């Protein structure tokens, strides 16, 4: 049983991806909270051309940082996914595009099923909506979480 799967694209300007900044993702993978099920690196040059990168193309520090993610390159990310992310990237940037499973949710779901419960609804609330709600609450003087 799989948990919910999310797509995450991380952009790094200047095409100088070093792997720095992935520490928190490493912690989540090591703790079994998430599992990286696909990972693609792309670069967008000054002219706006998108290209896939191989791990050996990015240098030893970046390769080591990505290796710690223990990604299973499943090829679930499609060329359409990559193109959609590429449209959002600034020229002269590098991006890591990943699909990850929320393994904590699969374990929780299994425990609920074993207790004869059922999940009635599951949805992701977009960050923009959460921020708007927090802003509205703050304007009302309500305590914020």
C-alpha atoms as a PDB file:
ATOM      1  CA  UNK A   1       0.000   0.000   0.000  1.00  0.00           C
ATOM      2  CA  UNK A   2       1.392   3.350  -1.036  1.00  0.00           C
ATOM      3  CA  UNK A   3       0.892   6.598   0.795  1.00  0.00           C
ATOM      4  CA  UNK A   4       0.019   9.814  -1.017  1.00  0.00           C
ATOM      5  CA  UNK A   5       2.527  10.785  -3.682  1.00  0.00           C
ATOM      6  CA  UNK A   6       3.593  14.387  -4.203  1.00  0.00           C
ATOM      7  CA  UNK A   7       5.648  16.120  -6.854  1.00  0.00           C
ATOM      8  CA  UNK A   8       8.222  18.643  -5.669  1.00  0.00           C
ATOM      9  CA  UNK A   9      10.426  20.781  -7.889  1.00  0.00           C
ATOM     10  CA  UNK A  10      13.290  22.732  -6.339  1.00  0.00           C
ATOM     11  CA  UNK A  11      14.950  25.468  -8.391  1.00  0.00           C
ATOM     12  CA  UNK A  12      18.499  26.669  -7.856  1.00  0.00           C
ATOM     13  CA  UNK A  13      19.589  29.795  -9.762  1.00  0.00           C
ATOM     14  CA  UNK A  14      22.762  30.142 -11.746  1.00  0.00           C
ATOM     15  CA  UNK A  15      23.113  26.486 -12.747  1.00  0.00           C
ATOM     16  CA  UNK A  16      25.372  25.949  -9.747  1.00  0.00           C
ATOM     17  CA  UNK A  17      23.495  23.179  -7.941  1.00  0.00           C
ATOM     18  CA  UNK A  18      25.720  21.858  -5.162  1.00  0.00           C
ATOM     19  CA  UNK A  19      23.286  19.786  -3.128  1.00  0.00           C
ATOM     20  CA  UNK A  20      23.389  22.280  -0.267  1.00  0.00           C
ATOM     21  CA  UNK A  21      19.990  22.900   1.248  1.00  0.00           C
ATOM     22  CA  UNK A  22      18.812  19.294   1.062  1.00  0.00           C
ATOM     23  CA  UNK A  23      19.588  18.541   4.719  1.00  0.00           C
ATOM     24  CA  UNK A  24      15.947  18.506   5.818  1.00  0.00           C
ATOM     25  CA  UNK A  25      14.959  16.191   2.973  1.00  0.00           C
ATOM     26  CA  UNK A  26      17.795  13.859   4.019  1.00  0.00           C
ATOM     27  CA  UNK A  27      16.366  13.791   7.569  1.00  0.00           C
ATOM     28  CA  UNK A  28      12.859  12.983   6.337  1.00  0.00           C
ATOM     29  CA  UNK A  29      14.125  10.130   4.154  1.00  0.00           C
ATOM     30  CA  UNK A  30      16.364   8.745   6.939  1.00  0.00           C
ATOM     31  CA  UNK A  31      13.456   8.829   9.396  1.00  0.00           C
ATOM     32  CA  UNK A  32      11.167   6.981   6.970  1.00  0.00           C
ATOM     33  CA  UNK A  33       8.709   9.879   6.795  1.00  0.00           C
ATOM     34  CA  UNK A  34       9.031  10.094   3.008  1.00  0.00           C
ATOM     35  CA  UNK A  35      10.512   7.962   0.270  1.00  0.00           C
ATOM     36  CA  UNK A  36      11.806   9.432  -2.998  1.00  0.00           C
ATOM     37  CA  UNK A  37      10.347   7.332  -5.798  1.00  0.00           C
ATOM     38  CA  UNK A  38      11.672   9.289  -8.756  1.00  0.00           C
ATOM     39  CA  UNK A  39      14.204  12.053  -9.242  1.00  0.00           C
ATOM     40  CA  UNK A  40      15.189  14.015 -12.325  1.00  0.00           C
ATOM     41  CA  UNK A  41      17.678  16.866 -12.565  1.00  0.00           C
ATOM     42  CA  UNK A  42      17.239  19.458 -15.276  1.00  0.00           C
ATOM     43  CA  UNK A  43      18.998  22.627 -16.289  1.00  0.00           C
ATOM     44  CA  UNK A  44      17.618  25.585 -18.202  1.00  0.00           C
ATOM     45  CA  UNK A  45      20.241  27.630 -20.014  1.00  0.00           C
ATOM     46  CA  UNK A  46      20.306  31.365 -20.782  1.00  0.00           C
ATOM     47  CA  UNK A  47      18.342  30.779 -23.995  1.00  0.00           C
ATOM     48  CA  UNK A  48      15.593  28.873 -22.148  1.00  0.00           C
ATOM     49  CA  UNK A  49      16.580  25.410 -23.393  1.00  0.00           C
ATOM     50  CA  UNK A  50      15.762  22.604 -20.951  1.00  0.00           C
ATOM     51  CA  UNK A  51      18.114  19.609 -20.612  1.00  0.00           C
ATOM     52  CA  UNK A  52      18.225  16.587 -18.330  1.00  0.00           C
ATOM     53  CA  UNK A  53      21.385  16.090 -16.275  1.00  0.00           C
ATOM     54  CA  UNK A  54      23.189  12.925 -15.294  1.00  0.00           C
ATOM     55  CA  UNK A  55      24.524  12.615 -11.757  1.00  0.00           C
ATOM     56  CA  UNK A  56      28.101  12.543 -13.031  1.00  0.00           C
ATOM     57  CA  UNK A  57      27.472  15.926 -14.708  1.00  0.00           C
ATOM     58  CA  UNK A  58      26.817  17.786 -11.465  1.00  0.00           C
ATOM     59  CA  UNK A  59      29.981  17.233  -9.464  1.00  0.00           C
ATOM     60  CA  UNK A  60      30.831  15.082  -6.452  1.00  0.00           C
ATOM     61  CA  UNK A  61      29.239  17.256  -3.725  1.00  0.00           C
ATOM     62  CA  UNK A  62      25.884  17.463  -5.459  1.00  0.00           C
ATOM     63  CA  UNK A  63      25.989  13.773  -6.384  1.00  0.00           C
ATOM     64  CA  UNK A  64      26.694  12.818  -2.773  1.00  0.00           C
ATOM     65  CA  UNK A  65      23.856  15.025  -1.502  1.00  0.00           C
ATOM     66  CA  UNK A  66      21.418  13.461  -3.951  1.00  0.00           C
ATOM     67  CA  UNK A  67      22.629   9.936  -3.192  1.00  0.00           C
ATOM     68  CA  UNK A  68      21.616  10.468   0.449  1.00  0.00           C
ATOM     69  CA  UNK A  69      18.009  10.831  -0.745  1.00  0.00           C
ATOM     70  CA  UNK A  70      18.057   7.124  -1.639  1.00  0.00           C
ATOM     71  CA  UNK A  71      15.922   7.852  -4.701  1.00  0.00           C
ATOM     72  CA  UNK A  72      14.517   4.976  -6.692  1.00  0.00           C
ATOM     73  CA  UNK A  73      14.634   6.247 -10.261  1.00  0.00           C
ATOM     74  CA  UNK A  74      11.342   4.685 -11.318  1.00  0.00           C
ATOM     75  CA  UNK A  75      10.793   6.744 -14.459  1.00  0.00           C
ATOM     76  CA  UNK A  76       7.333   7.692 -13.173  1.00  0.00           C
ATOM     77  CA  UNK A  77       8.094  11.337 -13.945  1.00  0.00           C
ATOM     78  CA  UNK A  78       7.064  11.849 -17.539  1.00  0.00           C
ATOM     79  CA  UNK A  79       8.438  14.198 -20.168  1.00  0.00           C
ATOM     80  CA  UNK A  80       5.187  16.168 -19.759  1.00  0.00           C
ATOM     81  CA  UNK A  81       5.920  16.564 -16.033  1.00  0.00           C
ATOM     82  CA  UNK A  82       9.433  17.726 -16.779  1.00  0.00           C
ATOM     83  CA  UNK A  83       8.268  20.176 -19.460  1.00  0.00           C
ATOM     84  CA  UNK A  84       5.600  21.593 -17.112  1.00  0.00           C
ATOM     85  CA  UNK A  85       8.229  22.243 -14.445  1.00  0.00           C
ATOM     86  CA  UNK A  86      10.620  23.603 -17.074  1.00  0.00           C
ATOM     87  CA  UNK A  87       8.071  26.238 -18.055  1.00  0.00           C
ATOM     88  CA  UNK A  88       8.158  27.540 -14.478  1.00  0.00           C
ATOM     89  CA  UNK A  89      11.947  27.706 -14.232  1.00  0.00           C
ATOM     90  CA  UNK A  90      13.962  30.853 -14.724  1.00  0.00           C
ATOM     91  CA  UNK A  91      16.604  30.819 -17.420  1.00  0.00           C
ATOM     92  CA  UNK A  92      20.065  29.890 -16.165  1.00  0.00           C
ATOM     93  CA  UNK A  93      18.823  27.611 -13.373  1.00  0.00           C
ATOM     94  CA  UNK A  94      18.924  24.005 -12.262  1.00  0.00           C
ATOM     95  CA  UNK A  95      16.045  22.046 -10.777  1.00  0.00           C
ATOM     96  CA  UNK A  96      15.611  18.790  -8.926  1.00  0.00           C
ATOM     97  CA  UNK A  97      12.202  17.318  -9.726  1.00  0.00           C
ATOM     98  CA  UNK A  98      11.067  14.510  -7.496  1.00  0.00           C
ATOM     99  CA  UNK A  99       8.104  12.332  -6.756  1.00  0.00           C
ATOM    100  CA  UNK A 100       7.949  11.292  -3.154  1.00  0.00           C
ATOM    101  CA  UNK A 101       5.691   9.020  -1.188  1.00  0.00           C
ATOM    102  CA  UNK A 102       4.425  10.129   2.190  1.00  0.00           C
ATOM    103  CA  UNK A 103       5.282   6.808   3.825  1.00  0.00           C
ATOM    104  CA  UNK A 104       4.045   8.033   7.217  1.00  0.00           C
ATOM    105  CA  UNK A 105       0.552   8.289   5.707  1.00  0.00           C
ATOM    106  CA  UNK A 106       0.596   4.713   4.384  1.00  0.00           C
ATOM    107  CA  UNK A 107       1.508   3.413   7.837  1.00  0.00           C
ATOM    108  CA  UNK A 108      -1.167   5.551   9.471  1.00  0.00           C
ATOM    109  CA  UNK A 109      -3.776   4.466   6.912  1.00  0.00           C
ATOM    110  CA  UNK A 110      -2.943   0.804   7.531  1.00  0.00           C
ATOM    111  CA  UNK A 111      -3.341   1.275  11.298  1.00  0.00           C
ATOM    112  CA  UNK A 112      -6.735   2.932  10.772  1.00  0.00           C
ATOM    113  CA  UNK A 113      -7.893   0.099   8.490  1.00  0.00           C
ATOM    114  CA  UNK A 114      -6.723  -2.487  11.040  1.00  0.00           C
ATOM    115  CA  UNK A 115      -8.837  -0.670  13.645  1.00  0.00           C
ATOM    116  CA  UNK A 116     -11.875  -1.023  11.329  1.00  0.00           C
ATOM    117  CA  UNK A 117     -11.772   2.683  10.509  1.00  0.00           C
ATOM    118  CA  UNK A 118     -11.841   4.279   7.112  1.00  0.00           C
ATOM    119  CA  UNK A 119     -10.486   7.414   5.546  1.00  0.00           C
ATOM    120  CA  UNK A 120     -13.422   9.561   4.506  1.00  0.00           C
ATOM    121  CA  UNK A 121     -11.474  12.313   2.764  1.00  0.00           C
ATOM    122  CA  UNK A 122      -7.908  13.139   1.943  1.00  0.00           C
ATOM    123  CA  UNK A 123      -6.863  16.335   0.186  1.00  0.00           C
ATOM    124  CA  UNK A 124      -3.903  18.662  -0.066  1.00  0.00           C
ATOM    125  CA  UNK A 125      -4.691  22.279   0.819  1.00  0.00           C
ATOM    126  CA  UNK A 126      -2.611  24.574  -1.414  1.00  0.00           C
ATOM    127  CA  UNK A 127      -0.135  26.800   0.420  1.00  0.00           C
ATOM    128  CA  UNK A 128      -1.707  29.941  -1.029  1.00  0.00           C
ATOM    129  CA  UNK A 129      -5.065  29.107   0.575  1.00  0.00           C
ATOM    130  CA  UNK A 130      -3.440  28.371   3.930  1.00  0.00           C
ATOM    131  CA  UNK A 131      -1.548  31.684   3.800  1.00  0.00           C
ATOM    132  CA  UNK A 132      -4.697  33.639   2.887  1.00  0.00           C
ATOM    133  CA  UNK A 133      -6.536  32.055   5.810  1.00  0.00           C
ATOM    134  CA  UNK A 134      -3.697  32.839   8.216  1.00  0.00           C
ATOM    135  CA  UNK A 135      -3.623  36.431   6.963  1.00  0.00           C
ATOM    136  CA  UNK A 136      -7.400  36.731   7.484  1.00  0.00           C
ATOM    137  CA  UNK A 137      -7.119  35.315  11.001  1.00  0.00           C
ATOM    138  CA  UNK A 138      -4.257  37.667  11.840  1.00  0.00           C
ATOM    139  CA  UNK A 139      -6.339  40.637  10.620  1.00  0.00           C
ATOM    140  CA  UNK A 140      -9.098  39.533  12.995  1.00  0.00           C
ATOM    141  CA  UNK A 141      -6.645  39.285  15.883  1.00  0.00           C
ATOM    142  CA  UNK A 142      -7.202  35.534  16.232  1.00  0.00           C
ATOM    143  CA  UNK A 143      -4.415  33.417  17.722  1.00  0.00           C
ATOM    144  CA  UNK A 144      -2.368  31.741  14.992  1.00  0.00           C
ATOM    145  CA  UNK A 145      -1.159  28.155  15.043  1.00  0.00           C
END
